[in-house]
Amino acid sequence: MTDIAHTPIGIIHSPFTNPDDTPIQSVFADGARGEVEVFPEYAAGLKDIDGFSHLILIYHFHLV
Protein backbone atom coordinates (compact mmCIF):
# COMPACT_ATOMS: atom_id res chain seq x y z
CA MET A 1 0.00 0.00 0.00
CA THR A 2 1.18 3.53 -0.76
CA ASP A 3 1.38 6.10 2.02
CA ILE A 4 -0.66 9.26 1.59
CA ALA A 5 0.58 12.51 3.09
CA HIS A 6 -1.19 15.84 3.32
CA THR A 7 0.01 19.34 4.06
CA PRO A 8 -2.23 21.64 6.11
CA ILE A 9 -3.33 24.81 4.29
CA GLY A 10 -4.99 26.34 7.33
CA ILE A 11 -6.47 25.86 10.77
CA ILE A 12 -10.05 25.33 11.92
CA HIS A 13 -10.73 27.26 15.13
CA SER A 14 -13.55 25.98 17.34
CA PRO A 15 -15.03 27.10 20.65
CA PHE A 16 -14.75 23.52 21.88
CA THR A 17 -11.56 22.74 23.81
CA ASN A 18 -12.51 19.53 25.61
CA PRO A 19 -13.20 16.42 23.49
CA ASP A 20 -15.82 15.25 25.99
CA ASP A 21 -17.80 18.48 25.50
CA THR A 22 -17.55 18.52 21.71
CA PRO A 23 -20.81 17.56 19.96
CA ILE A 24 -20.59 14.66 17.52
CA GLN A 25 -22.87 16.46 15.04
CA SER A 26 -23.47 20.13 14.33
CA VAL A 27 -27.17 19.82 15.19
CA PHE A 28 -26.07 19.47 18.84
CA ALA A 29 -23.73 22.50 18.73
CA ASP A 30 -26.47 24.94 19.83
CA GLY A 31 -25.39 27.95 17.76
CA ALA A 32 -21.64 27.49 18.25
CA ARG A 33 -19.55 29.09 15.51
CA GLY A 34 -16.11 28.22 14.29
CA GLU A 35 -13.67 29.89 11.95
CA VAL A 36 -11.44 28.63 9.17
CA GLU A 37 -8.05 30.34 8.91
CA VAL A 38 -6.34 29.79 5.56
CA PHE A 39 -2.60 30.37 5.53
CA PRO A 40 -1.69 33.43 3.39
CA GLU A 41 0.25 31.43 0.81
CA TYR A 42 -2.96 29.51 -0.06
CA ALA A 43 -5.40 32.45 -0.01
CA ALA A 44 -5.33 32.83 -3.81
CA GLY A 45 -6.99 29.41 -4.05
CA LEU A 46 -10.17 30.95 -2.58
CA LYS A 47 -10.49 33.53 -5.36
CA ASP A 48 -13.80 32.24 -6.84
CA ILE A 49 -15.25 30.65 -3.72
CA ASP A 50 -18.30 32.97 -3.69
CA GLY A 51 -20.06 30.78 -6.26
CA PHE A 52 -20.24 27.76 -3.94
CA SER A 53 -22.83 26.99 -1.26
CA HIS A 54 -20.77 24.39 0.63
CA LEU A 55 -17.15 23.50 1.35
CA ILE A 56 -15.69 20.16 2.35
CA LEU A 57 -12.99 20.50 4.99
CA ILE A 58 -10.64 17.60 5.58
CA TYR A 59 -9.25 17.78 9.08
CA HIS A 60 -6.90 16.04 11.46
CA PHE A 61 -7.55 15.92 15.21
CA HIS A 62 -4.05 16.76 16.41
CA LEU A 63 -4.85 16.83 20.17
CA VAL A 64 -6.72 13.55 20.50
PDB file of N, CA and C in Angstrom:
ATOM      1  N   MET A   1       0.842  -1.176   0.000  1.00  0.00           N
ATOM      2  CA  MET A   1       0.000   0.000   0.000  1.00  0.00           C
ATOM      3  C   MET A   1       0.892   1.245   0.000  1.00  0.00           C
ATOM      4  N   THR A   2       0.451   2.270  -0.685  1.00  0.00           N
ATOM      5  CA  THR A   2       1.182   3.532  -0.761  1.00  0.00           C
ATOM      6  C   THR A   2       0.742   4.462   0.360  1.00  0.00           C
ATOM      7  N   ASP A   3       1.711   5.108   0.995  1.00  0.00           N
ATOM      8  CA  ASP A   3       1.379   6.103   2.018  1.00  0.00           C
ATOM      9  C   ASP A   3       0.819   7.352   1.359  1.00  0.00           C
ATOM     10  N   ILE A   4      -0.094   7.996   2.047  1.00  0.00           N
ATOM     11  CA  ILE A   4      -0.661   9.255   1.589  1.00  0.00           C
ATOM     12  C   ILE A   4      -0.321  10.312   2.630  1.00  0.00           C
ATOM     13  N   ALA A   5       0.226  11.413   2.183  1.00  0.00           N
ATOM     14  CA  ALA A   5       0.576  12.514   3.089  1.00  0.00           C
ATOM     15  C   ALA A   5      -0.204  13.755   2.675  1.00  0.00           C
ATOM     16  N   HIS A   6      -0.529  14.574   3.637  1.00  0.00           N
ATOM     17  CA  HIS A   6      -1.191  15.836   3.319  1.00  0.00           C
ATOM     18  C   HIS A   6      -0.500  16.972   4.061  1.00  0.00           C
ATOM     19  N   THR A   7      -0.585  18.143   3.478  1.00  0.00           N
ATOM     20  CA  THR A   7       0.009  19.337   4.063  1.00  0.00           C
ATOM     21  C   THR A   7      -1.113  20.282   4.456  1.00  0.00           C
ATOM     22  N   PRO A   8      -1.167  20.711   5.699  1.00  0.00           N
ATOM     23  CA  PRO A   8      -2.227  21.643   6.110  1.00  0.00           C
ATOM     24  C   PRO A   8      -2.129  22.966   5.345  1.00  0.00           C
ATOM     25  N   ILE A   9      -3.290  23.493   4.941  1.00  0.00           N
ATOM     26  CA  ILE A   9      -3.334  24.807   4.289  1.00  0.00           C
ATOM     27  C   ILE A   9      -4.006  25.833   5.190  1.00  0.00           C
ATOM     28  N   GLY A  10      -4.351  25.424   6.393  1.00  0.00           N
ATOM     29  CA  GLY A  10      -4.989  26.342   7.326  1.00  0.00           C
ATOM     30  C   GLY A  10      -5.311  25.651   8.632  1.00  0.00           C
ATOM     31  N   ILE A  11      -6.090  26.361   9.444  1.00  0.00           N
ATOM     32  CA  ILE A  11      -6.475  25.861  10.765  1.00  0.00           C
ATOM     33  C   ILE A  11      -7.964  26.115  10.962  1.00  0.00           C
ATOM     34  N   ILE A  12      -8.655  25.150  11.541  1.00  0.00           N
ATOM     35  CA  ILE A  12     -10.052  25.335  11.925  1.00  0.00           C
ATOM     36  C   ILE A  12     -10.072  25.677  13.408  1.00  0.00           C
ATOM     37  N   HIS A  13     -10.616  26.836  13.735  1.00  0.00           N
ATOM     38  CA  HIS A  13     -10.734  27.263  15.131  1.00  0.00           C
ATOM     39  C   HIS A  13     -12.150  26.961  15.608  1.00  0.00           C
ATOM     40  N   SER A  14     -12.264  26.393  16.785  1.00  0.00           N
ATOM     41  CA  SER A  14     -13.550  25.980  17.345  1.00  0.00           C
ATOM     42  C   SER A  14     -13.654  26.452  18.786  1.00  0.00           C
ATOM     43  N   PRO A  15     -14.875  26.734  19.251  1.00  0.00           N
ATOM     44  CA  PRO A  15     -15.031  27.105  20.655  1.00  0.00           C
ATOM     45  C   PRO A  15     -14.881  25.913  21.596  1.00  0.00           C
ATOM     46  N   PHE A  16     -14.816  24.717  21.051  1.00  0.00           N
ATOM     47  CA  PHE A  16     -14.748  23.516  21.878  1.00  0.00           C
ATOM     48  C   PHE A  16     -13.289  23.155  22.164  1.00  0.00           C
ATOM     49  N   THR A  17     -12.942  23.039  23.422  1.00  0.00           N
ATOM     50  CA  THR A  17     -11.565  22.738  23.808  1.00  0.00           C
ATOM     51  C   THR A  17     -11.422  21.394  24.507  1.00  0.00           C
ATOM     52  N   ASN A  18     -12.525  20.807  24.912  1.00  0.00           N
ATOM     53  CA  ASN A  18     -12.512  19.526  25.609  1.00  0.00           C
ATOM     54  C   ASN A  18     -13.222  18.495  24.733  1.00  0.00           C
ATOM     55  N   PRO A  19     -12.553  17.421  24.340  1.00  0.00           N
ATOM     56  CA  PRO A  19     -13.196  16.415  23.489  1.00  0.00           C
ATOM     57  C   PRO A  19     -14.505  15.873  24.069  1.00  0.00           C
ATOM     58  N   ASP A  20     -14.596  15.772  25.381  1.00  0.00           N
ATOM     59  CA  ASP A  20     -15.818  15.247  25.993  1.00  0.00           C
ATOM     60  C   ASP A  20     -17.002  16.195  25.843  1.00  0.00           C
ATOM     61  N   ASP A  21     -16.739  17.481  25.655  1.00  0.00           N
ATOM     62  CA  ASP A  21     -17.803  18.477  25.505  1.00  0.00           C
ATOM     63  C   ASP A  21     -18.108  18.812  24.048  1.00  0.00           C
ATOM     64  N   THR A  22     -17.380  18.222  23.130  1.00  0.00           N
ATOM     65  CA  THR A  22     -17.552  18.518  21.711  1.00  0.00           C
ATOM     66  C   THR A  22     -18.689  17.678  21.142  1.00  0.00           C
ATOM     67  N   PRO A  23     -19.694  18.321  20.527  1.00  0.00           N
ATOM     68  CA  PRO A  23     -20.812  17.559  19.958  1.00  0.00           C
ATOM     69  C   PRO A  23     -20.350  16.705  18.781  1.00  0.00           C
ATOM     70  N   ILE A  24     -20.981  15.557  18.614  1.00  0.00           N
ATOM     71  CA  ILE A  24     -20.590  14.664  17.517  1.00  0.00           C
ATOM     72  C   ILE A  24     -21.211  15.092  16.188  1.00  0.00           C
ATOM     73  N   GLN A  25     -22.242  15.925  16.241  1.00  0.00           N
ATOM     74  CA  GLN A  25     -22.867  16.457  15.035  1.00  0.00           C
ATOM     75  C   GLN A  25     -23.219  17.915  15.273  1.00  0.00           C
ATOM     76  N   SER A  26     -23.226  18.690  14.196  1.00  0.00           N
ATOM     77  CA  SER A  26     -23.472  20.128  14.329  1.00  0.00           C
ATOM     78  C   SER A  26     -24.858  20.451  14.871  1.00  0.00           C
ATOM     79  N   VAL A  27     -25.818  19.570  14.683  1.00  0.00           N
ATOM     80  CA  VAL A  27     -27.167  19.822  15.194  1.00  0.00           C
ATOM     81  C   VAL A  27     -27.164  19.957  16.719  1.00  0.00           C
ATOM     82  N   PHE A  28     -26.171  19.393  17.376  1.00  0.00           N
ATOM     83  CA  PHE A  28     -26.068  19.469  18.836  1.00  0.00           C
ATOM     84  C   PHE A  28     -25.148  20.605  19.302  1.00  0.00           C
ATOM     85  N   ALA A  29     -24.685  21.438  18.387  1.00  0.00           N
ATOM     86  CA  ALA A  29     -23.731  22.497  18.732  1.00  0.00           C
ATOM     87  C   ALA A  29     -24.395  23.753  19.289  1.00  0.00           C
ATOM     88  N   ASP A  30     -25.700  23.853  19.222  1.00  0.00           N
ATOM     89  CA  ASP A  30     -26.471  24.942  19.831  1.00  0.00           C
ATOM     90  C   ASP A  30     -25.920  26.327  19.493  1.00  0.00           C
ATOM     91  N   GLY A  31     -25.800  26.618  18.205  1.00  0.00           N
ATOM     92  CA  GLY A  31     -25.391  27.946  17.763  1.00  0.00           C
ATOM     93  C   GLY A  31     -23.906  28.245  17.822  1.00  0.00           C
ATOM     94  N   ALA A  32     -23.095  27.271  18.180  1.00  0.00           N
ATOM     95  CA  ALA A  32     -21.644  27.494  18.249  1.00  0.00           C
ATOM     96  C   ALA A  32     -21.109  27.811  16.853  1.00  0.00           C
ATOM     97  N   ARG A  33     -20.135  28.705  16.785  1.00  0.00           N
ATOM     98  CA  ARG A  33     -19.550  29.089  15.508  1.00  0.00           C
ATOM     99  C   ARG A  33     -18.046  28.858  15.535  1.00  0.00           C
ATOM    100  N   GLY A  34     -17.542  28.403  14.430  1.00  0.00           N
ATOM    101  CA  GLY A  34     -16.109  28.216  14.286  1.00  0.00           C
ATOM    102  C   GLY A  34     -15.579  29.135  13.203  1.00  0.00           C
ATOM    103  N   GLU A  35     -14.302  29.046  12.964  1.00  0.00           N
ATOM    104  CA  GLU A  35     -13.675  29.890  11.946  1.00  0.00           C
ATOM    105  C   GLU A  35     -12.580  29.094  11.252  1.00  0.00           C
ATOM    106  N   VAL A  36     -12.491  29.269   9.946  1.00  0.00           N
ATOM    107  CA  VAL A  36     -11.442  28.630   9.166  1.00  0.00           C
ATOM    108  C   VAL A  36     -10.402  29.689   8.819  1.00  0.00           C
ATOM    109  N   GLU A  37      -9.175  29.447   9.224  1.00  0.00           N
ATOM    110  CA  GLU A  37      -8.054  30.340   8.913  1.00  0.00           C
ATOM    111  C   GLU A  37      -7.225  29.673   7.820  1.00  0.00           C
ATOM    112  N   VAL A  38      -7.153  30.300   6.666  1.00  0.00           N
ATOM    113  CA  VAL A  38      -6.343  29.785   5.560  1.00  0.00           C
ATOM    114  C   VAL A  38      -5.008  30.520   5.582  1.00  0.00           C
ATOM    115  N   PHE A  39      -3.932  29.770   5.528  1.00  0.00           N
ATOM    116  CA  PHE A  39      -2.604  30.373   5.530  1.00  0.00           C
ATOM    117  C   PHE A  39      -2.453  31.288   4.305  1.00  0.00           C
ATOM    118  N   PRO A  40      -1.784  32.433   4.471  1.00  0.00           N
ATOM    119  CA  PRO A  40      -1.688  33.433   3.395  1.00  0.00           C
ATOM    120  C   PRO A  40      -1.203  32.875   2.053  1.00  0.00           C
ATOM    121  N   GLU A  41      -0.280  31.942   2.078  1.00  0.00           N
ATOM    122  CA  GLU A  41       0.254  31.425   0.815  1.00  0.00           C
ATOM    123  C   GLU A  41      -0.765  30.603   0.021  1.00  0.00           C
ATOM    124  N   TYR A  42      -1.917  30.262   0.633  1.00  0.00           N
ATOM    125  CA  TYR A  42      -2.964  29.511  -0.056  1.00  0.00           C
ATOM    126  C   TYR A  42      -4.212  30.348  -0.312  1.00  0.00           C
ATOM    127  N   ALA A  43      -4.214  31.590   0.097  1.00  0.00           N
ATOM    128  CA  ALA A  43      -5.398  32.450  -0.011  1.00  0.00           C
ATOM    129  C   ALA A  43      -5.861  32.633  -1.457  1.00  0.00           C
ATOM    130  N   ALA A  44      -4.950  32.659  -2.397  1.00  0.00           N
ATOM    131  CA  ALA A  44      -5.328  32.834  -3.805  1.00  0.00           C
ATOM    132  C   ALA A  44      -6.230  31.701  -4.293  1.00  0.00           C
ATOM    133  N   GLY A  45      -6.146  30.540  -3.671  1.00  0.00           N
ATOM    134  CA  GLY A  45      -6.991  29.408  -4.046  1.00  0.00           C
ATOM    135  C   GLY A  45      -8.461  29.610  -3.714  1.00  0.00           C
ATOM    136  N   LEU A  46      -8.777  30.647  -2.946  1.00  0.00           N
ATOM    137  CA  LEU A  46     -10.165  30.949  -2.580  1.00  0.00           C
ATOM    138  C   LEU A  46     -10.781  32.020  -3.473  1.00  0.00           C
ATOM    139  N   LYS A  47     -10.091  32.400  -4.521  1.00  0.00           N
ATOM    140  CA  LYS A  47     -10.495  33.528  -5.361  1.00  0.00           C
ATOM    141  C   LYS A  47     -11.955  33.466  -5.817  1.00  0.00           C
ATOM    142  N   ASP A  48     -12.435  32.348  -6.301  1.00  0.00           N
ATOM    143  CA  ASP A  48     -13.795  32.242  -6.841  1.00  0.00           C
ATOM    144  C   ASP A  48     -14.728  31.443  -5.938  1.00  0.00           C
ATOM    145  N   ILE A  49     -14.484  31.463  -4.661  1.00  0.00           N
ATOM    146  CA  ILE A  49     -15.253  30.651  -3.717  1.00  0.00           C
ATOM    147  C   ILE A  49     -16.694  31.140  -3.532  1.00  0.00           C
ATOM    148  N   ASP A  50     -16.962  32.395  -3.877  1.00  0.00           N
ATOM    149  CA  ASP A  50     -18.300  32.966  -3.687  1.00  0.00           C
ATOM    150  C   ASP A  50     -19.394  32.202  -4.430  1.00  0.00           C
ATOM    151  N   GLY A  51     -19.065  31.496  -5.475  1.00  0.00           N
ATOM    152  CA  GLY A  51     -20.058  30.783  -6.262  1.00  0.00           C
ATOM    153  C   GLY A  51     -20.483  29.444  -5.678  1.00  0.00           C
ATOM    154  N   PHE A  52     -19.947  29.068  -4.529  1.00  0.00           N
ATOM    155  CA  PHE A  52     -20.242  27.763  -3.941  1.00  0.00           C
ATOM    156  C   PHE A  52     -21.099  27.914  -2.690  1.00  0.00           C
ATOM    157  N   SER A  53     -21.974  26.953  -2.461  1.00  0.00           N
ATOM    158  CA  SER A  53     -22.826  26.991  -1.264  1.00  0.00           C
ATOM    159  C   SER A  53     -22.221  26.198  -0.109  1.00  0.00           C
ATOM    160  N   HIS A  54     -21.343  25.244  -0.409  1.00  0.00           N
ATOM    161  CA  HIS A  54     -20.766  24.391   0.628  1.00  0.00           C
ATOM    162  C   HIS A  54     -19.273  24.174   0.364  1.00  0.00           C
ATOM    163  N   LEU A  55     -18.557  23.887   1.434  1.00  0.00           N
ATOM    164  CA  LEU A  55     -17.151  23.500   1.347  1.00  0.00           C
ATOM    165  C   LEU A  55     -16.970  22.182   2.083  1.00  0.00           C
ATOM    166  N   ILE A  56     -16.057  21.377   1.632  1.00  0.00           N
ATOM    167  CA  ILE A  56     -15.691  20.156   2.347  1.00  0.00           C
ATOM    168  C   ILE A  56     -14.321  20.394   2.965  1.00  0.00           C
ATOM    169  N   LEU A  57     -14.252  20.299   4.278  1.00  0.00           N
ATOM    170  CA  LEU A  57     -12.994  20.502   4.992  1.00  0.00           C
ATOM    171  C   LEU A  57     -12.480  19.155   5.476  1.00  0.00           C
ATOM    172  N   ILE A  58     -11.278  18.825   5.108  1.00  0.00           N
ATOM    173  CA  ILE A  58     -10.637  17.602   5.579  1.00  0.00           C
ATOM    174  C   ILE A  58      -9.756  18.001   6.750  1.00  0.00           C
ATOM    175  N   TYR A  59      -9.941  17.343   7.868  1.00  0.00           N
ATOM    176  CA  TYR A  59      -9.249  17.782   9.080  1.00  0.00           C
ATOM    177  C   TYR A  59      -8.566  16.625   9.787  1.00  0.00           C
ATOM    178  N   HIS A  60      -7.669  16.995  10.668  1.00  0.00           N
ATOM    179  CA  HIS A  60      -6.897  16.038  11.459  1.00  0.00           C
ATOM    180  C   HIS A  60      -6.982  16.474  12.917  1.00  0.00           C
ATOM    181  N   PHE A  61      -7.472  15.608  13.781  1.00  0.00           N
ATOM    182  CA  PHE A  61      -7.554  15.925  15.209  1.00  0.00           C
ATOM    183  C   PHE A  61      -6.168  15.760  15.824  1.00  0.00           C
ATOM    184  N   HIS A  62      -5.439  16.835  15.956  1.00  0.00           N
ATOM    185  CA  HIS A  62      -4.053  16.756  16.415  1.00  0.00           C
ATOM    186  C   HIS A  62      -3.905  16.648  17.930  1.00  0.00           C
ATOM    187  N   LEU A  63      -4.956  16.888  18.709  1.00  0.00           N
ATOM    188  CA  LEU A  63      -4.847  16.831  20.171  1.00  0.00           C
ATOM    189  C   LEU A  63      -5.505  15.599  20.782  1.00  0.00           C
ATOM    190  N   VAL A  64      -6.014  14.722  19.967  1.00  0.00           N
ATOM    191  CA  VAL A  64      -6.716  13.549  20.498  1.00  0.00           C
ATOM    192  C   VAL A  64      -5.750  12.400  20.662  1.00  0.00           C
TER     193      VAL A  64
END
